[in-house]
C-alpha atoms as a PDB file:
ATOM      1  CA  MET A   1     106.113  67.163  99.850  1.00  0.00           C
ATOM      2  CA  ILE A   2     104.498  68.684 102.829  1.00  0.00           C
ATOM      3  CA  VAL A   3     102.241  71.797 102.430  1.00  0.00           C
ATOM      4  CA  LEU A   4     102.311  74.358 105.165  1.00  0.00           C
ATOM      5  CA  ILE A   5      99.316  77.002 105.198  1.00  0.00           C
ATOM      6  CA  ASP A   6      98.583  80.141 107.211  1.00  0.00           C
ATOM      7  CA  MET A   7      95.198  81.176 106.808  1.00  0.00           C
ATOM      8  CA  GLY A   8      94.266  84.617 108.079  1.00  0.00           C
ATOM      9  CA  ASN A   9      91.164  86.701 108.088  1.00  0.00           C
ATOM     10  CA  SER A  10      91.621  88.141 104.448  1.00  0.00           C
ATOM     11  CA  ARG A  11      94.532  86.200 102.955  1.00  0.00           C
ATOM     12  CA  VAL A  12      96.052  82.842 102.772  1.00  0.00           C
ATOM     13  CA  LYS A  13      99.813  82.160 102.772  1.00  0.00           C
ATOM     14  CA  TYR A  14     101.413  78.807 101.827  1.00  0.00           C
ATOM     15  CA  CYS A  15     104.666  77.205 101.086  1.00  0.00           C
ATOM     16  CA  THR A  16     106.079  73.587 101.174  1.00  0.00           C
ATOM     17  CA  SER A  17     108.820  72.116 103.110  1.00  0.00           C
ATOM     18  CA  VAL A  18     111.003  69.902 101.359  1.00  0.00           C
ATOM     19  CA  GLN A  19     113.724  68.035 103.340  1.00  0.00           C
ATOM     20  CA  GLY A  20     113.353  70.602 106.201  1.00  0.00           C
ATOM     21  CA  LYS A  21     113.756  73.593 103.770  1.00  0.00           C
ATOM     22  CA  LEU A  22     110.892  76.105 103.063  1.00  0.00           C
ATOM     23  CA  THR A  23     110.050  77.119  99.599  1.00  0.00           C
ATOM     24  CA  PRO A  24     109.147  80.656  98.724  1.00  0.00           C
ATOM     25  CA  ILE A  25     105.679  81.788 100.306  1.00  0.00           C
ATOM     26  CA  ASN A  26     102.763  82.282  98.226  1.00  0.00           C
ATOM     27  CA  VAL A  27      99.902  84.787  99.110  1.00  0.00           C
ATOM     28  CA  VAL A  28      96.272  84.594  97.850  1.00  0.00           C
ATOM     29  CA  ASP A  29      93.157  86.093  98.838  1.00  0.00           C
ATOM     30  CA  ASN A  30      90.806  83.835 100.698  1.00  0.00           C
ATOM     31  CA  LYS A  31      88.204  83.918  97.772  1.00  0.00           C
ATOM     32  CA  GLU A  32      90.837  82.546  95.811  1.00  0.00           C
ATOM     33  CA  PHE A  33      91.671  79.724  98.064  1.00  0.00           C
ATOM     34  CA  THR A  34      89.542  76.888  96.178  1.00  0.00           C
ATOM     35  CA  CYS A  35      89.676  73.359  94.998  1.00  0.00           C
ATOM     36  CA  ARG A  36      91.159  74.647  91.464  1.00  0.00           C
ATOM     37  CA  LEU A  37      93.955  76.140  93.663  1.00  0.00           C
ATOM     38  CA  PHE A  38      94.414  72.618  95.603  1.00  0.00           C
ATOM     39  CA  GLU A  39      94.488  70.732  92.493  1.00  0.00           C
ATOM     40  CA  ASN A  40      97.151  72.957  90.860  1.00  0.00           C
ATOM     41  CA  GLN A  41      99.347  73.525  93.900  1.00  0.00           C
ATOM     42  CA  PHE A  42      98.916  70.851  96.420  1.00  0.00           C
ATOM     43  CA  HIS A  43      98.359  67.507  94.246  1.00  0.00           C
ATOM     44  CA  LYS A  44     101.719  66.207  94.824  1.00  0.00           C
ATOM     45  CA  SER A  45     101.855  66.511  98.482  1.00  0.00           C
ATOM     46  CA  SER A  46     101.741  63.962 101.097  1.00  0.00           C
ATOM     47  CA  LYS A  47     100.535  65.909 103.871  1.00  0.00           C
ATOM     48  CA  VAL A  48      98.914  69.459 104.575  1.00  0.00           C
ATOM     49  CA  ILE A  49      99.464  71.321 107.772  1.00  0.00           C
ATOM     50  CA  ILE A  50      97.155  74.255 108.242  1.00  0.00           C
ATOM     51  CA  ALA A  51      96.769  77.007 111.046  1.00  0.00           C
ATOM     52  CA  SER A  52      93.636  79.073 110.598  1.00  0.00           C
ATOM     53  CA  VAL A  53      92.152  82.138 112.056  1.00  0.00           C
ATOM     54  CA  GLY A  54      89.897  82.265 108.876  1.00  0.00           C
ATOM     55  CA  ASP A  55      86.560  81.082 107.450  1.00  0.00           C
ATOM     56  CA  LYS A  56      86.062  77.594 108.629  1.00  0.00           C
ATOM     57  CA  HIS A  57      84.150  76.805 105.265  1.00  0.00           C
ATOM     58  CA  LEU A  58      87.568  77.133 103.677  1.00  0.00           C
ATOM     59  CA  THR A  59      89.295  74.592 106.062  1.00  0.00           C
ATOM     60  CA  ASP A  60      86.370  72.409 105.547  1.00  0.00           C
ATOM     61  CA  ALA A  61      86.849  72.427 101.790  1.00  0.00           C
ATOM     62  CA  LEU A  62      90.498  71.793 102.206  1.00  0.00           C
ATOM     63  CA  PHE A  63      89.748  68.923 104.542  1.00  0.00           C
ATOM     64  CA  ASP A  64      87.434  67.159 102.275  1.00  0.00           C
ATOM     65  CA  TRP A  65      89.673  67.602  99.341  1.00  0.00           C
ATOM     66  CA  CYS A  66      92.644  66.043 101.086  1.00  0.00           C
ATOM     67  CA  LYS A  67      90.417  63.053 102.097  1.00  0.00           C
ATOM     68  CA  ALA A  68      89.222  62.538  98.735  1.00  0.00           C
ATOM     69  CA  ASN A  69      92.675  62.596  97.347  1.00  0.00           C
ATOM     70  CA  ASN A  70      94.328  60.316 100.244  1.00  0.00           C
ATOM     71  CA  ILE A  71      96.590  63.180 101.519  1.00  0.00           C
ATOM     72  CA  SER A  72      97.103  63.530 105.109  1.00  0.00           C
ATOM     73  CA  TYR A  73      95.489  66.781 106.825  1.00  0.00           C
ATOM     74  CA  GLN A  74      96.461  68.438 110.006  1.00  0.00           C
ATOM     75  CA  GLU A  75      94.817  71.550 111.534  1.00  0.00           C
ATOM     76  CA  ILE A  76      96.938  73.117 114.468  1.00  0.00           C
ATOM     77  CA  SER A  77      95.443  74.465 117.512  1.00  0.00           C
ATOM     78  CA  SER A  78      97.440  76.296 120.308  1.00  0.00           C
ATOM     79  CA  GLU A  79      98.622  73.943 122.973  1.00  0.00           C
ATOM     80  CA  LYS A  80      99.790  74.104 126.641  1.00  0.00           C
ATOM     81  CA  GLN A  81     103.334  73.353 125.665  1.00  0.00           C
ATOM     82  CA  LYS A  82     105.335  72.112 122.829  1.00  0.00           C
ATOM     83  CA  ASN A  83     109.273  71.912 122.082  1.00  0.00           C
ATOM     84  CA  GLY A  84     110.072  73.457 125.406  1.00  0.00           C
ATOM     85  CA  VAL A  85     107.746  76.453 124.788  1.00  0.00           C
ATOM     86  CA  VAL A  86     105.092  77.000 127.425  1.00  0.00           C
ATOM     87  CA  ASN A  87     101.667  78.912 126.486  1.00  0.00           C
ATOM     88  CA  GLY A  88     101.156  81.816 128.975  1.00  0.00           C
ATOM     89  CA  TYR A  89      97.370  81.851 128.718  1.00  0.00           C
ATOM     90  CA  GLN A  90      95.275  80.488 131.431  1.00  0.00           C
ATOM     91  CA  VAL A  91      93.271  78.590 128.795  1.00  0.00           C
ATOM     92  CA  PRO A  92      96.169  77.723 126.225  1.00  0.00           C
ATOM     93  CA  ALA A  93      93.593  77.067 123.380  1.00  0.00           C
ATOM     94  CA  GLN A  94      92.277  80.698 123.499  1.00  0.00           C
ATOM     95  CA  LEU A  95      95.580  81.864 122.338  1.00  0.00           C
ATOM     96  CA  GLY A  96      95.453  82.607 118.772  1.00  0.00           C
ATOM     97  CA  VAL A  97      97.034  79.946 116.680  1.00  0.00           C
ATOM     98  CA  ASP A  98      99.120  82.375 114.827  1.00  0.00           C
ATOM     99  CA  ARG A  99     100.480  83.721 117.963  1.00  0.00           C
ATOM    100  CA  TRP A 100     101.339  80.364 119.214  1.00  0.00           C
ATOM    101  CA  LEU A 101     103.194  79.360 115.936  1.00  0.00           C
ATOM    102  CA  GLY A 102     105.035  82.750 116.183  1.00  0.00           C
ATOM    103  CA  LEU A 103     106.228  81.662 119.731  1.00  0.00           C
ATOM    104  CA  LEU A 104     107.306  78.165 118.453  1.00  0.00           C
ATOM    105  CA  GLY A 105     108.943  80.037 115.390  1.00  0.00           C
ATOM    106  CA  ALA A 106     110.803  82.456 117.651  1.00  0.00           C
ATOM    107  CA  ALA A 107     112.087  79.546 119.777  1.00  0.00           C
ATOM    108  CA  ALA A 108     113.396  77.598 116.966  1.00  0.00           C
ATOM    109  CA  ASN A 109     115.351  80.632 115.719  1.00  0.00           C
ATOM    110  CA  PHE A 110     116.512  82.013 119.221  1.00  0.00           C
ATOM    111  CA  ALA A 111     117.107  79.161 121.552  1.00  0.00           C
ATOM    112  CA  ASN A 112     117.431  80.398 125.230  1.00  0.00           C
ATOM    113  CA  LYS A 113     116.747  83.927 124.358  1.00  0.00           C
ATOM    114  CA  ASN A 114     114.603  86.631 125.647  1.00  0.00           C
ATOM    115  CA  VAL A 115     112.374  87.651 122.550  1.00  0.00           C
ATOM    116  CA  LEU A 116     109.781  90.232 121.949  1.00  0.00           C
ATOM    117  CA  ILE A 117     107.486  88.870 118.854  1.00  0.00           C
ATOM    118  CA  VAL A 118     105.649  91.709 117.047  1.00  0.00           C
ATOM    119  CA  ASP A 119     103.194  90.342 114.225  1.00  0.00           C
ATOM    120  CA  SER A 120     101.842  93.271 112.379  1.00  0.00           C
ATOM    121  CA  GLY A 121      98.730  92.449 109.829  1.00  0.00           C
ATOM    122  CA  THR A 122      95.073  92.930 110.460  1.00  0.00           C
ATOM    123  CA  ALA A 123      95.711  92.964 114.227  1.00  0.00           C
ATOM    124  CA  THR A 124      99.050  93.741 115.604  1.00  0.00           C
ATOM    125  CA  THR A 125     100.081  91.370 118.302  1.00  0.00           C
ATOM    126  CA  ILE A 126     103.017  91.521 120.817  1.00  0.00           C
ATOM    127  CA  ASP A 127     104.169  88.667 122.908  1.00  0.00           C
ATOM    128  CA  PHE A 128     107.080  87.953 124.955  1.00  0.00           C
ATOM    129  CA  LEU A 129     108.878  84.861 125.054  1.00  0.00           C
ATOM    130  CA  GLY A 130     111.343  84.241 127.881  1.00  0.00           C
ATOM    131  CA  ALA A 131     114.624  82.556 127.434  1.00  0.00           C
ATOM    132  CA  ASP A 132     113.433  79.771 129.393  1.00  0.00           C
ATOM    133  CA  GLY A 133     110.544  79.039 126.981  1.00  0.00           C
ATOM    134  CA  GLN A 134     107.931  80.611 129.061  1.00  0.00           C
ATOM    135  CA  HIS A 135     105.341  82.708 127.190  1.00  0.00           C
ATOM    136  CA  HIS A 136     104.742  85.968 129.434  1.00  0.00           C
ATOM    137  CA  GLY A 137     101.743  86.950 127.729  1.00  0.00           C
ATOM    138  CA  GLY A 138     101.261  89.910 125.367  1.00  0.00           C
ATOM    139  CA  TRP A 139      98.965  92.655 123.709  1.00  0.00           C
ATOM    140  CA  ILE A 140      96.630  92.519 120.852  1.00  0.00           C
ATOM    141  CA  LEU A 141      95.688  95.986 119.135  1.00  0.00           C
ATOM    142  CA  SER A 142      94.243  96.964 115.674  1.00  0.00           C
ATOM    143  CA  GLY A 143      96.655  96.633 113.066  1.00  0.00           C
ATOM    144  CA  ILE A 144      97.617  99.961 111.022  1.00  0.00           C
ATOM    145  CA  ASN A 145      95.031  99.752 108.522  1.00  0.00           C
ATOM    146  CA  THR A 146      92.278  98.698 110.992  1.00  0.00           C
ATOM    147  CA  LEU A 147      93.435 101.779 112.996  1.00  0.00           C
ATOM    148  CA  VAL A 148      92.992 104.124 109.992  1.00  0.00           C
ATOM    149  CA  THR A 149      89.663 102.755 108.678  1.00  0.00           C
ATOM    150  CA  GLY A 150      88.274 102.501 112.177  1.00  0.00           C
ATOM    151  CA  ILE A 151      88.390 106.144 112.736  1.00  0.00           C
ATOM    152  CA  ILE A 152      87.240 106.896 109.269  1.00  0.00           C
ATOM    153  CA  ALA A 153      84.224 104.820 109.511  1.00  0.00           C
ATOM    154  CA  ASN A 154      83.069 105.979 112.960  1.00  0.00           C
ATOM    155  CA  THR A 155      83.575 109.888 112.328  1.00  0.00           C
ATOM    156  CA  SER A 156      81.717 112.253 109.976  1.00  0.00           C
ATOM    157  CA  TYR A 157      84.269 114.567 108.913  1.00  0.00           C
ATOM    158  CA  VAL A 158      87.456 112.745 109.159  1.00  0.00           C
ATOM    159  CA  LYS A 159      88.717 111.826 105.706  1.00  0.00           C
ATOM    160  CA  ALA A 160      91.929 109.997 104.897  1.00  0.00           C
ATOM    161  CA  ASN A 161      93.849 108.963 101.601  1.00  0.00           C
ATOM    162  CA  SER A 162      95.087 105.373 101.474  1.00  0.00           C
ATOM    163  CA  ASN A 163      98.605 105.976 100.313  1.00  0.00           C
ATOM    164  CA  GLU A 164     100.160 108.037 102.849  1.00  0.00           C
ATOM    165  CA  PRO A 165     103.915 107.518 103.353  1.00  0.00           C
ATOM    166  CA  VAL A 166     104.951 105.952 106.595  1.00  0.00           C
ATOM    167  CA  SER A 167     105.985 108.730 109.207  1.00  0.00           C
ATOM    168  CA  LEU A 168     105.820 109.378 112.754  1.00  0.00           C
ATOM    169  CA  SER A 169     105.659 113.365 112.250  1.00  0.00           C
ATOM    170  CA  PHE A 170     102.836 115.569 113.284  1.00  0.00           C
ATOM    171  CA  GLY A 171     100.531 115.768 110.227  1.00  0.00           C
ATOM    172  CA  ALA A 172      99.806 118.965 108.320  1.00  0.00           C
ATOM    173  CA  ASN A 173      96.431 117.691 107.266  1.00  0.00           C
ATOM    174  CA  THR A 174      93.813 115.197 108.620  1.00  0.00           C
ATOM    175  CA  SER A 175      94.899 112.292 106.278  1.00  0.00           C
ATOM    176  CA  GLU A 176      98.533 112.673 107.508  1.00  0.00           C
ATOM    177  CA  ASN A 177      97.067 113.148 111.205  1.00  0.00           C
ATOM    178  CA  VAL A 178      95.296 109.776 110.959  1.00  0.00           C
ATOM    179  CA  HIS A 179      97.941 107.679 109.250  1.00  0.00           C
ATOM    180  CA  ASN A 180     100.755 108.952 111.319  1.00  0.00           C
ATOM    181  CA  ALA A 181      98.931 108.476 114.466  1.00  0.00           C
ATOM    182  CA  ALA A 182      98.145 104.869 113.586  1.00  0.00           C
ATOM    183  CA  TRP A 183     102.149 104.336 113.261  1.00  0.00           C
ATOM    184  CA  ALA A 184     102.633 106.269 116.180  1.00  0.00           C
ATOM    185  CA  ALA A 185     100.299 104.425 118.389  1.00  0.00           C
ATOM    186  CA  THR A 186     101.844 101.061 117.158  1.00  0.00           C
ATOM    187  CA  VAL A 187     105.373 102.234 117.530  1.00  0.00           C
ATOM    188  CA  GLY A 188     104.477 103.261 121.051  1.00  0.00           C
ATOM    189  CA  SER A 189     103.152  99.953 122.031  1.00  0.00           C
ATOM    190  CA  VAL A 190     106.248  98.160 120.926  1.00  0.00           C
ATOM    191  CA  ASN A 191     108.500 100.592 122.733  1.00  0.00           C
ATOM    192  CA  VAL A 192     106.413 100.314 125.857  1.00  0.00           C
ATOM    193  CA  GLY A 193     106.802  96.378 125.659  1.00  0.00           C
ATOM    194  CA  ILE A 194     110.562  96.857 125.329  1.00  0.00           C
ATOM    195  CA  SER A 195     110.672  99.205 128.468  1.00  0.00           C
ATOM    196  CA  GLN A 196     108.420  96.810 130.527  1.00  0.00           C
ATOM    197  CA  ILE A 197     110.745  94.028 129.749  1.00  0.00           C
ATOM    198  CA  GLN A 198     113.894  96.126 130.618  1.00  0.00           C
ATOM    199  CA  HIS A 199     112.262  97.507 133.965  1.00  0.00           C
ATOM    200  CA  GLN A 200     111.784  94.032 135.154  1.00  0.00           C
ATOM    201  CA  GLY A 201     115.822  93.763 135.082  1.00  0.00           C
ATOM    202  CA  ILE A 202     115.555  91.371 132.075  1.00  0.00           C
ATOM    203  CA  ASN A 203     117.980  91.549 129.099  1.00  0.00           C
ATOM    204  CA  LEU A 204     116.003  91.721 125.968  1.00  0.00           C
ATOM    205  CA  ASP A 205     117.985  89.633 123.232  1.00  0.00           C
ATOM    206  CA  GLU A 206     115.799  90.014 120.318  1.00  0.00           C
ATOM    207  CA  VAL A 207     112.830  91.903 118.864  1.00  0.00           C
ATOM    208  CA  VAL A 208     111.372  90.083 115.982  1.00  0.00           C
ATOM    209  CA  PHE A 209     108.881  91.545 113.535  1.00  0.00           C
ATOM    210  CA  THR A 210     106.670  89.536 111.064  1.00  0.00           C
ATOM    211  CA  GLY A 211     103.548  90.041 109.345  1.00  0.00           C
ATOM    212  CA  GLY A 212     102.442  92.460 106.331  1.00  0.00           C
ATOM    213  CA  ASN A 213     103.739  95.721 107.976  1.00  0.00           C
ATOM    214  CA  ALA A 214     106.917  94.061 109.520  1.00  0.00           C
ATOM    215  CA  LEU A 215     109.500  95.891 107.326  1.00  0.00           C
ATOM    216  CA  LYS A 216     107.842  99.253 107.552  1.00  0.00           C
ATOM    217  CA  LEU A 217     107.395  98.881 111.366  1.00  0.00           C
ATOM    218  CA  SER A 218     110.754  97.723 112.099  1.00  0.00           C
ATOM    219  CA  SER A 219     112.274 100.686 110.664  1.00  0.00           C
ATOM    220  CA  LEU A 220     110.590 102.879 113.130  1.00  0.00           C
ATOM    221  CA  ILE A 221     111.908 101.200 116.063  1.00  0.00           C
ATOM    222  CA  ASN A 222     115.230 102.327 117.446  1.00  0.00           C
ATOM    223  CA  TYR A 223     115.782  99.033 119.394  1.00  0.00           C
ATOM    224  CA  GLN A 224     117.992  96.515 117.241  1.00  0.00           C
ATOM    225  CA  ASN A 225     115.405  94.326 115.558  1.00  0.00           C
ATOM    226  CA  LYS A 226     115.115  91.451 112.910  1.00  0.00           C
ATOM    227  CA  VAL A 227     112.314  90.833 110.379  1.00  0.00           C
ATOM    228  CA  ILE A 228     111.418  87.158 109.850  1.00  0.00           C
ATOM    229  CA  PRO A 229     108.497  87.134 107.369  1.00  0.00           C
ATOM    230  CA  GLU A 230     108.241  83.299 107.436  1.00  0.00           C
ATOM    231  CA  LEU A 231     108.051  82.985 111.343  1.00  0.00           C
ATOM    232  CA  VAL A 232     104.835  81.525 111.568  1.00  0.00           C
ATOM    233  CA  PHE A 233     105.839  78.832 108.853  1.00  0.00           C
ATOM    234  CA  HIS A 234     108.871  77.982 111.260  1.00  0.00           C
ATOM    235  CA  GLY A 235     106.358  77.495 113.911  1.00  0.00           C
ATOM    236  CA  LEU A 236     104.571  75.149 111.453  1.00  0.00           C
ATOM    237  CA  GLN A 237     107.377  73.012 110.823  1.00  0.00           C
ATOM    238  CA  SER A 238     107.325  72.023 114.543  1.00  0.00           C
ATOM    239  CA  TYR A 239     104.361  69.798 113.523  1.00  0.00           C
ATOM    240  CA  ILE A 240     106.232  67.920 110.770  1.00  0.00           C
END
């Protein structure tokens, strides 16, 4: 049994790969990612593969636990190329590993296809993967919640609820204005990305959403799209 782990800024997602098939994804807060969890969940594993943009103290604790229990440990970093996918960054290691794994996951799901990948979590990232495996770069913008909390934190009189429904309509109060604008800005970025690809005369085969806001965001995009919550884990499977 091989454990695959995607560690973000606030949450850890993990599953296992058994004979090439992924088990359901588990999600815990970073503060719950402790030796007790390792003992309960990972003790039968032969190898742990992790990609992290989170706290190094947590990955260090996992490494020490794996070493003490004779379990193979591998931490993934972004590379120049793998499995026919070519990193578009001038310095490949500077591409976030979650984005790198999203590219690998998209290539595994959509071989020889032009794919726009949208990962919507704490940040929203948008990346274009060409049919030839070339990564053509992308964008990083604040995630929906970060957009909302950012404007609240930096203005004195702007207040917003935390439970506004998803909408692109013009708001009738300040809370709706803030939330709806966050969705509109994100949808606008995705639509500009689609337009840029099309204006280059490229046939965009797939738009893929992943991340915590994937389902909500995908419903606001008119272009045909797919939601693959486990996309990063498909990328992690490339390292088994």
